[in-house]
Amino acid sequence: MPAPIELHYWPTPNGWKVSIALEEMGLPYEVRLVNIGAGEQKEAAFLKLSPNGRMPAIVDPEGPDGAPIAIFESGAILQYLARKTGRFCGATERARIAVDQWLMWQMGGLGPMAGQAHHFLHYAPGMEPPQDLPYAKDRYRGEVARLYGVLDRQLAENEFVAGADYTIADMATFPWARLWERQQQRIDDFPHMKRWLEALEARPAVQCGVALHLDKRQGTANADQQKHLFGSR
């Protein structure tokens, strides 16, 4: 039995990527909660694991050559776990390229744009003073819609994000896409994405990954939490 991986986690879309992957890959893990609303992601002990002060992070006591390794950035964690297990990363070099490019699409496009949509549609209007910015709302709502259009067209021709097989590209994209209502999108505008979301929601490992400490998830943030979540340090 391999030693459990430490998962430094909070129930957010980026956290769900890794909890889903660990469940799908059948890897033993232990959760170390990082309360981002309380600023725990900025504490010195966590910054040693994740210098950018963002979760998730993992510590694998059985890393390369059997030596422990700490890894931050959700996409890098997914790639590491896929290589470690030899699963969900593409069966051929051509398939691996497809997985990598769609993973980068999520990391560089969908995740940041959906995150900004969440911020300006839900958090900023409740700040003190309120930051209710129509331009920002329209900008990020529209960019999310554009990206979901890209995804929908891809899924019109493929069962999964990177092709015929379920991979870490799906695990990365799903946690953000499942929050389409929070991004003020219309799911009926994206029928192929809707089909794909329903298929992934039915997977037991996905259900377990999303359910992990879900009770701690909050849809709003008070002034102190905003300082920790949105402050410059």
C-alpha atoms as a PDB file:
ATOM      1  CA  MET A   1       0.000   0.000   0.000  1.00  0.00           C
ATOM      2  CA  PRO A   2       1.603   3.307  -1.038  1.00  0.00           C
ATOM      3  CA  ALA A   3       2.000   6.048   1.539  1.00  0.00           C
ATOM      4  CA  PRO A   4      -0.863   8.560   1.346  1.00  0.00           C
ATOM      5  CA  ILE A   5      -0.392  11.790  -0.555  1.00  0.00           C
ATOM      6  CA  GLU A   6      -0.981  14.963   1.444  1.00  0.00           C
ATOM      7  CA  LEU A   7      -3.650  17.062  -0.279  1.00  0.00           C
ATOM      8  CA  HIS A   8      -3.592  20.705   0.788  1.00  0.00           C
ATOM      9  CA  TYR A   9      -7.107  21.657  -0.195  1.00  0.00           C
ATOM     10  CA  TRP A  10     -10.188  23.832   0.055  1.00  0.00           C
ATOM     11  CA  PRO A  11     -13.460  23.072  -1.797  1.00  0.00           C
ATOM     12  CA  THR A  12     -13.017  25.327  -4.826  1.00  0.00           C
ATOM     13  CA  PRO A  13     -12.856  24.475  -8.532  1.00  0.00           C
ATOM     14  CA  ASN A  14      -9.064  24.248  -8.432  1.00  0.00           C
ATOM     15  CA  GLY A  15      -9.204  22.100  -5.315  1.00  0.00           C
ATOM     16  CA  TRP A  16     -11.771  19.807  -6.922  1.00  0.00           C
ATOM     17  CA  LYS A  17      -9.476  19.130  -9.863  1.00  0.00           C
ATOM     18  CA  VAL A  18      -7.028  17.322  -7.616  1.00  0.00           C
ATOM     19  CA  SER A  19      -9.523  15.627  -5.301  1.00  0.00           C
ATOM     20  CA  ILE A  20     -11.288  14.230  -8.380  1.00  0.00           C
ATOM     21  CA  ALA A  21      -7.995  13.030  -9.857  1.00  0.00           C
ATOM     22  CA  LEU A  22      -6.946  11.309  -6.646  1.00  0.00           C
ATOM     23  CA  GLU A  23     -10.313   9.560  -6.466  1.00  0.00           C
ATOM     24  CA  GLU A  24     -10.256   8.562 -10.139  1.00  0.00           C
ATOM     25  CA  MET A  25      -6.711   7.206  -9.846  1.00  0.00           C
ATOM     26  CA  GLY A  26      -7.420   5.338  -6.629  1.00  0.00           C
ATOM     27  CA  LEU A  27      -4.483   6.941  -4.827  1.00  0.00           C
ATOM     28  CA  PRO A  28      -4.591   7.099  -1.023  1.00  0.00           C
ATOM     29  CA  TYR A  29      -4.533  10.632   0.321  1.00  0.00           C
ATOM     30  CA  GLU A  30      -4.949  12.653   3.480  1.00  0.00           C
ATOM     31  CA  VAL A  31      -6.529  16.085   3.466  1.00  0.00           C
ATOM     32  CA  ARG A  32      -4.847  19.128   4.971  1.00  0.00           C
ATOM     33  CA  LEU A  33      -7.447  21.870   4.871  1.00  0.00           C
ATOM     34  CA  VAL A  34      -6.229  25.318   3.803  1.00  0.00           C
ATOM     35  CA  ASN A  35      -8.892  27.824   4.847  1.00  0.00           C
ATOM     36  CA  ILE A  36      -8.439  30.473   2.183  1.00  0.00           C
ATOM     37  CA  GLY A  37     -11.042  32.748   3.782  1.00  0.00           C
ATOM     38  CA  ALA A  38      -8.923  32.823   6.944  1.00  0.00           C
ATOM     39  CA  GLY A  39      -5.688  33.482   5.041  1.00  0.00           C
ATOM     40  CA  GLU A  40      -4.057  30.119   5.736  1.00  0.00           C
ATOM     41  CA  GLN A  41      -2.739  30.054   2.149  1.00  0.00           C
ATOM     42  CA  LYS A  42      -0.434  32.949   3.106  1.00  0.00           C
ATOM     43  CA  GLU A  43       1.128  31.288   6.139  1.00  0.00           C
ATOM     44  CA  ALA A  44       4.832  30.448   6.010  1.00  0.00           C
ATOM     45  CA  ALA A  45       4.373  26.689   6.259  1.00  0.00           C
ATOM     46  CA  PHE A  46       2.062  26.625   3.254  1.00  0.00           C
ATOM     47  CA  LEU A  47       4.208  29.043   1.239  1.00  0.00           C
ATOM     48  CA  LYS A  48       7.036  26.520   1.467  1.00  0.00           C
ATOM     49  CA  LEU A  49       4.827  24.154  -0.508  1.00  0.00           C
ATOM     50  CA  SER A  50       3.147  26.706  -2.762  1.00  0.00           C
ATOM     51  CA  PRO A  51       5.266  29.869  -3.168  1.00  0.00           C
ATOM     52  CA  ASN A  52       2.424  31.610  -5.028  1.00  0.00           C
ATOM     53  CA  GLY A  53       0.192  31.335  -1.954  1.00  0.00           C
ATOM     54  CA  ARG A  54      -2.564  29.479  -3.746  1.00  0.00           C
ATOM     55  CA  MET A  55      -4.002  26.055  -3.150  1.00  0.00           C
ATOM     56  CA  PRO A  56      -4.130  23.204  -3.987  1.00  0.00           C
ATOM     57  CA  ALA A  57      -0.755  21.687  -3.339  1.00  0.00           C
ATOM     58  CA  ILE A  58       0.298  18.133  -2.696  1.00  0.00           C
ATOM     59  CA  VAL A  59       3.151  16.392  -0.951  1.00  0.00           C
ATOM     60  CA  ASP A  60       3.913  12.925  -2.267  1.00  0.00           C
ATOM     61  CA  PRO A  61       6.135  11.031   0.189  1.00  0.00           C
ATOM     62  CA  GLU A  62       6.949   8.599  -2.606  1.00  0.00           C
ATOM     63  CA  GLY A  63       7.988  11.013  -5.324  1.00  0.00           C
ATOM     64  CA  PRO A  64      10.590  10.551  -8.070  1.00  0.00           C
ATOM     65  CA  ASP A  65      13.273   8.029  -7.060  1.00  0.00           C
ATOM     66  CA  GLY A  66      11.297   7.397  -3.896  1.00  0.00           C
ATOM     67  CA  ALA A  67      12.076  10.825  -2.433  1.00  0.00           C
ATOM     68  CA  PRO A  68       9.302  13.136  -1.183  1.00  0.00           C
ATOM     69  CA  ILE A  69       8.185  15.965  -3.435  1.00  0.00           C
ATOM     70  CA  ALA A  70       5.884  18.983  -2.994  1.00  0.00           C
ATOM     71  CA  ILE A  71       3.980  20.244  -6.031  1.00  0.00           C
ATOM     72  CA  PHE A  72       1.857  23.357  -6.519  1.00  0.00           C
ATOM     73  CA  GLU A  73      -0.342  24.557  -9.433  1.00  0.00           C
ATOM     74  CA  SER A  74      -3.320  22.340 -10.144  1.00  0.00           C
ATOM     75  CA  GLY A  75      -2.347  21.631 -13.754  1.00  0.00           C
ATOM     76  CA  ALA A  76       1.157  20.553 -12.763  1.00  0.00           C
ATOM     77  CA  ILE A  77      -0.308  18.339 -10.047  1.00  0.00           C
ATOM     78  CA  LEU A  78      -2.640  16.664 -12.549  1.00  0.00           C
ATOM     79  CA  GLN A  79       0.221  16.033 -14.969  1.00  0.00           C
ATOM     80  CA  TYR A  80       2.373  14.611 -12.186  1.00  0.00           C
ATOM     81  CA  LEU A  81      -0.343  12.269 -10.934  1.00  0.00           C
ATOM     82  CA  ALA A  82      -1.140  11.117 -14.467  1.00  0.00           C
ATOM     83  CA  ARG A  83       2.522  10.309 -15.119  1.00  0.00           C
ATOM     84  CA  LYS A  84       2.862   8.639 -11.727  1.00  0.00           C
ATOM     85  CA  THR A  85      -0.026   6.290 -12.397  1.00  0.00           C
ATOM     86  CA  GLY A  86       0.233   6.069 -16.181  1.00  0.00           C
ATOM     87  CA  ARG A  87      -3.468   6.887 -16.406  1.00  0.00           C
ATOM     88  CA  PHE A  88      -5.679   9.618 -17.886  1.00  0.00           C
ATOM     89  CA  CYS A  89      -2.857  11.311 -19.824  1.00  0.00           C
ATOM     90  CA  GLY A  90      -3.351   9.900 -23.328  1.00  0.00           C
ATOM     91  CA  ALA A  91      -2.432   6.488 -24.694  1.00  0.00           C
ATOM     92  CA  THR A  92      -0.286   7.756 -27.586  1.00  0.00           C
ATOM     93  CA  GLU A  93       1.990  10.735 -28.164  1.00  0.00           C
ATOM     94  CA  ARG A  94      -0.659  12.349 -30.359  1.00  0.00           C
ATOM     95  CA  ALA A  95      -3.261  11.823 -27.628  1.00  0.00           C
ATOM     96  CA  ARG A  96      -0.897  13.230 -24.987  1.00  0.00           C
ATOM     97  CA  ILE A  97      -0.439  16.371 -27.050  1.00  0.00           C
ATOM     98  CA  ALA A  98      -4.207  16.810 -27.232  1.00  0.00           C
ATOM     99  CA  VAL A  99      -4.510  16.348 -23.467  1.00  0.00           C
ATOM    100  CA  ASP A 100      -1.745  18.863 -22.786  1.00  0.00           C
ATOM    101  CA  GLN A 101      -3.146  21.537 -25.069  1.00  0.00           C
ATOM    102  CA  TRP A 102      -6.663  21.295 -23.607  1.00  0.00           C
ATOM    103  CA  LEU A 103      -5.247  21.285 -20.100  1.00  0.00           C
ATOM    104  CA  MET A 104      -3.353  24.490 -20.944  1.00  0.00           C
ATOM    105  CA  TRP A 105      -6.548  25.918 -22.456  1.00  0.00           C
ATOM    106  CA  GLN A 106      -8.269  25.420 -19.138  1.00  0.00           C
ATOM    107  CA  MET A 107      -5.380  26.742 -17.072  1.00  0.00           C
ATOM    108  CA  GLY A 108      -4.799  29.825 -19.219  1.00  0.00           C
ATOM    109  CA  GLY A 109      -8.327  30.528 -20.403  1.00  0.00           C
ATOM    110  CA  LEU A 110     -11.401  29.020 -18.808  1.00  0.00           C
ATOM    111  CA  GLY A 111     -10.163  28.990 -15.210  1.00  0.00           C
ATOM    112  CA  PRO A 112      -8.964  32.607 -15.071  1.00  0.00           C
ATOM    113  CA  MET A 113     -11.940  33.986 -17.020  1.00  0.00           C
ATOM    114  CA  ALA A 114     -14.533  32.058 -15.017  1.00  0.00           C
ATOM    115  CA  GLY A 115     -12.764  33.108 -11.825  1.00  0.00           C
ATOM    116  CA  GLN A 116     -12.995  36.757 -12.836  1.00  0.00           C
ATOM    117  CA  ALA A 117     -16.662  36.266 -13.690  1.00  0.00           C
ATOM    118  CA  HIS A 118     -17.256  34.892 -10.193  1.00  0.00           C
ATOM    119  CA  HIS A 119     -15.422  37.854  -8.694  1.00  0.00           C
ATOM    120  CA  PHE A 120     -17.176  40.659 -10.544  1.00  0.00           C
ATOM    121  CA  LEU A 121     -20.623  39.061 -10.630  1.00  0.00           C
ATOM    122  CA  HIS A 122     -20.761  37.925  -6.998  1.00  0.00           C
ATOM    123  CA  TYR A 123     -17.988  39.265  -4.781  1.00  0.00           C
ATOM    124  CA  ALA A 124     -17.217  42.777  -6.018  1.00  0.00           C
ATOM    125  CA  PRO A 125     -20.780  44.152  -5.668  1.00  0.00           C
ATOM    126  CA  GLY A 126     -20.733  43.206  -1.967  1.00  0.00           C
ATOM    127  CA  MET A 127     -17.415  44.862  -1.187  1.00  0.00           C
ATOM    128  CA  GLU A 128     -17.095  48.041   0.845  1.00  0.00           C
ATOM    129  CA  PRO A 129     -17.436  50.299  -1.004  1.00  0.00           C
ATOM    130  CA  PRO A 130     -19.439  48.251  -3.545  1.00  0.00           C
ATOM    131  CA  GLN A 131     -17.704  47.605  -6.841  1.00  0.00           C
ATOM    132  CA  ASP A 132     -20.663  46.976  -9.130  1.00  0.00           C
ATOM    133  CA  LEU A 133     -18.963  47.372 -12.517  1.00  0.00           C
ATOM    134  CA  PRO A 134     -21.150  46.711 -15.573  1.00  0.00           C
ATOM    135  CA  TYR A 135     -18.188  46.675 -17.956  1.00  0.00           C
ATOM    136  CA  ALA A 136     -16.334  44.040 -15.918  1.00  0.00           C
ATOM    137  CA  LYS A 137     -19.489  41.947 -15.544  1.00  0.00           C
ATOM    138  CA  ASP A 138     -20.162  42.030 -19.277  1.00  0.00           C
ATOM    139  CA  ARG A 139     -16.519  41.448 -20.154  1.00  0.00           C
ATOM    140  CA  TYR A 140     -16.061  38.268 -18.138  1.00  0.00           C
ATOM    141  CA  ARG A 141     -19.575  36.931 -18.644  1.00  0.00           C
ATOM    142  CA  GLY A 142     -19.007  37.281 -22.376  1.00  0.00           C
ATOM    143  CA  GLU A 143     -15.540  35.733 -22.334  1.00  0.00           C
ATOM    144  CA  VAL A 144     -16.823  32.719 -20.403  1.00  0.00           C
ATOM    145  CA  ALA A 145     -19.581  32.322 -22.990  1.00  0.00           C
ATOM    146  CA  ARG A 146     -17.007  32.454 -25.781  1.00  0.00           C
ATOM    147  CA  LEU A 147     -14.878  29.786 -24.091  1.00  0.00           C
ATOM    148  CA  TYR A 148     -17.881  27.550 -23.509  1.00  0.00           C
ATOM    149  CA  GLY A 149     -18.593  27.900 -27.209  1.00  0.00           C
ATOM    150  CA  VAL A 150     -15.087  26.607 -27.919  1.00  0.00           C
ATOM    151  CA  LEU A 151     -15.657  23.713 -25.528  1.00  0.00           C
ATOM    152  CA  ASP A 152     -19.084  22.923 -26.948  1.00  0.00           C
ATOM    153  CA  ARG A 153     -17.734  22.715 -30.490  1.00  0.00           C
ATOM    154  CA  GLN A 154     -14.959  20.406 -29.322  1.00  0.00           C
ATOM    155  CA  LEU A 155     -17.450  18.180 -27.537  1.00  0.00           C
ATOM    156  CA  ALA A 156     -19.706  18.091 -30.596  1.00  0.00           C
ATOM    157  CA  GLU A 157     -17.034  15.970 -32.281  1.00  0.00           C
ATOM    158  CA  ASN A 158     -15.511  14.201 -29.272  1.00  0.00           C
ATOM    159  CA  GLU A 159     -16.914  12.322 -26.300  1.00  0.00           C
ATOM    160  CA  PHE A 160     -14.466  14.010 -23.948  1.00  0.00           C
ATOM    161  CA  VAL A 161     -12.491  17.224 -23.923  1.00  0.00           C
ATOM    162  CA  ALA A 162      -9.288  15.881 -25.493  1.00  0.00           C
ATOM    163  CA  GLY A 163     -10.825  13.175 -27.644  1.00  0.00           C
ATOM    164  CA  ALA A 164     -12.325   9.728 -27.202  1.00  0.00           C
ATOM    165  CA  ASP A 165     -10.904   9.089 -23.726  1.00  0.00           C
ATOM    166  CA  TYR A 166     -11.590  10.612 -20.323  1.00  0.00           C
ATOM    167  CA  THR A 167      -8.417  12.372 -19.137  1.00  0.00           C
ATOM    168  CA  ILE A 168      -6.991  14.991 -16.823  1.00  0.00           C
ATOM    169  CA  ALA A 169      -8.203  17.591 -19.342  1.00  0.00           C
ATOM    170  CA  ASP A 170     -11.750  16.683 -18.320  1.00  0.00           C
ATOM    171  CA  MET A 171     -10.826  16.686 -14.625  1.00  0.00           C
ATOM    172  CA  ALA A 172      -9.411  20.201 -14.999  1.00  0.00           C
ATOM    173  CA  THR A 173     -12.302  21.642 -17.007  1.00  0.00           C
ATOM    174  CA  PHE A 174     -15.261  20.066 -15.242  1.00  0.00           C
ATOM    175  CA  PRO A 175     -15.001  21.880 -11.854  1.00  0.00           C
ATOM    176  CA  TRP A 176     -15.259  25.284 -13.523  1.00  0.00           C
ATOM    177  CA  ALA A 177     -17.833  24.270 -16.135  1.00  0.00           C
ATOM    178  CA  ARG A 178     -20.177  22.778 -13.541  1.00  0.00           C
ATOM    179  CA  LEU A 179     -20.576  26.304 -12.102  1.00  0.00           C
ATOM    180  CA  TRP A 180     -22.053  27.706 -15.307  1.00  0.00           C
ATOM    181  CA  GLU A 181     -25.063  29.143 -13.434  1.00  0.00           C
ATOM    182  CA  ARG A 182     -22.775  31.149 -11.160  1.00  0.00           C
ATOM    183  CA  GLN A 183     -21.143  32.555 -14.295  1.00  0.00           C
ATOM    184  CA  GLN A 184     -24.608  33.579 -15.559  1.00  0.00           C
ATOM    185  CA  GLN A 185     -24.579  31.286 -18.580  1.00  0.00           C
ATOM    186  CA  ARG A 186     -27.413  29.417 -20.299  1.00  0.00           C
ATOM    187  CA  ILE A 187     -26.637  25.692 -20.421  1.00  0.00           C
ATOM    188  CA  ASP A 188     -29.070  25.174 -23.291  1.00  0.00           C
ATOM    189  CA  ASP A 189     -26.743  27.305 -25.412  1.00  0.00           C
ATOM    190  CA  PHE A 190     -24.133  24.557 -25.036  1.00  0.00           C
ATOM    191  CA  PRO A 191     -25.908  21.200 -25.579  1.00  0.00           C
ATOM    192  CA  HIS A 192     -22.745  19.165 -26.047  1.00  0.00           C
ATOM    193  CA  MET A 193     -21.208  20.611 -22.903  1.00  0.00           C
ATOM    194  CA  LYS A 194     -24.449  19.791 -21.099  1.00  0.00           C
ATOM    195  CA  ARG A 195     -24.213  16.152 -22.231  1.00  0.00           C
ATOM    196  CA  TRP A 196     -20.595  15.980 -21.065  1.00  0.00           C
ATOM    197  CA  LEU A 197     -21.342  17.576 -17.685  1.00  0.00           C
ATOM    198  CA  GLU A 198     -24.112  15.089 -17.016  1.00  0.00           C
ATOM    199  CA  ALA A 199     -21.826  12.180 -17.887  1.00  0.00           C
ATOM    200  CA  LEU A 200     -19.098  13.381 -15.537  1.00  0.00           C
ATOM    201  CA  GLU A 201     -21.519  14.213 -12.727  1.00  0.00           C
ATOM    202  CA  ALA A 202     -22.577  10.550 -12.804  1.00  0.00           C
ATOM    203  CA  ARG A 203     -19.054   9.231 -12.187  1.00  0.00           C
ATOM    204  CA  PRO A 204     -18.664   8.014  -8.570  1.00  0.00           C
ATOM    205  CA  ALA A 205     -15.101   9.345  -8.278  1.00  0.00           C
ATOM    206  CA  VAL A 206     -16.207  12.769  -9.470  1.00  0.00           C
ATOM    207  CA  GLN A 207     -19.019  12.781  -6.953  1.00  0.00           C
ATOM    208  CA  CYS A 208     -16.596  11.898  -4.141  1.00  0.00           C
ATOM    209  CA  GLY A 209     -14.071  14.512  -5.241  1.00  0.00           C
ATOM    210  CA  VAL A 210     -16.637  17.318  -5.330  1.00  0.00           C
ATOM    211  CA  ALA A 211     -18.230  16.232  -2.038  1.00  0.00           C
ATOM    212  CA  LEU A 212     -14.922  16.464  -0.149  1.00  0.00           C
ATOM    213  CA  HIS A 213     -15.545  18.973   2.683  1.00  0.00           C
ATOM    214  CA  LEU A 214     -18.220  20.608   0.546  1.00  0.00           C
ATOM    215  CA  ASP A 215     -19.916  21.886   3.711  1.00  0.00           C
ATOM    216  CA  LYS A 216     -17.097  24.416   4.105  1.00  0.00           C
ATOM    217  CA  ARG A 217     -17.762  26.074   0.761  1.00  0.00           C
ATOM    218  CA  GLN A 218     -19.219  29.594   0.884  1.00  0.00           C
ATOM    219  CA  GLY A 219     -20.838  31.585  -1.885  1.00  0.00           C
ATOM    220  CA  THR A 220     -20.097  34.995  -0.384  1.00  0.00           C
ATOM    221  CA  ALA A 221     -17.294  36.511   1.677  1.00  0.00           C
ATOM    222  CA  ASN A 222     -17.318  38.993   4.549  1.00  0.00           C
ATOM    223  CA  ALA A 223     -14.874  41.885   4.829  1.00  0.00           C
ATOM    224  CA  ASP A 224     -12.175  39.867   6.595  1.00  0.00           C
ATOM    225  CA  GLN A 225     -12.466  37.000   4.141  1.00  0.00           C
ATOM    226  CA  GLN A 226     -12.315  39.419   1.205  1.00  0.00           C
ATOM    227  CA  LYS A 227      -9.049  40.792   2.578  1.00  0.00           C
ATOM    228  CA  HIS A 228      -7.534  37.317   2.612  1.00  0.00           C
ATOM    229  CA  LEU A 229      -9.019  36.260  -0.719  1.00  0.00           C
ATOM    230  CA  PHE A 230      -8.458  39.405  -2.747  1.00  0.00           C
ATOM    231  CA  GLY A 231      -5.687  41.259  -0.949  1.00  0.00           C
ATOM    232  CA  SER A 232      -2.374  41.831  -2.679  1.00  0.00           C
ATOM    233  CA  ARG A 233      -0.413  39.841  -0.082  1.00  0.00           C
END
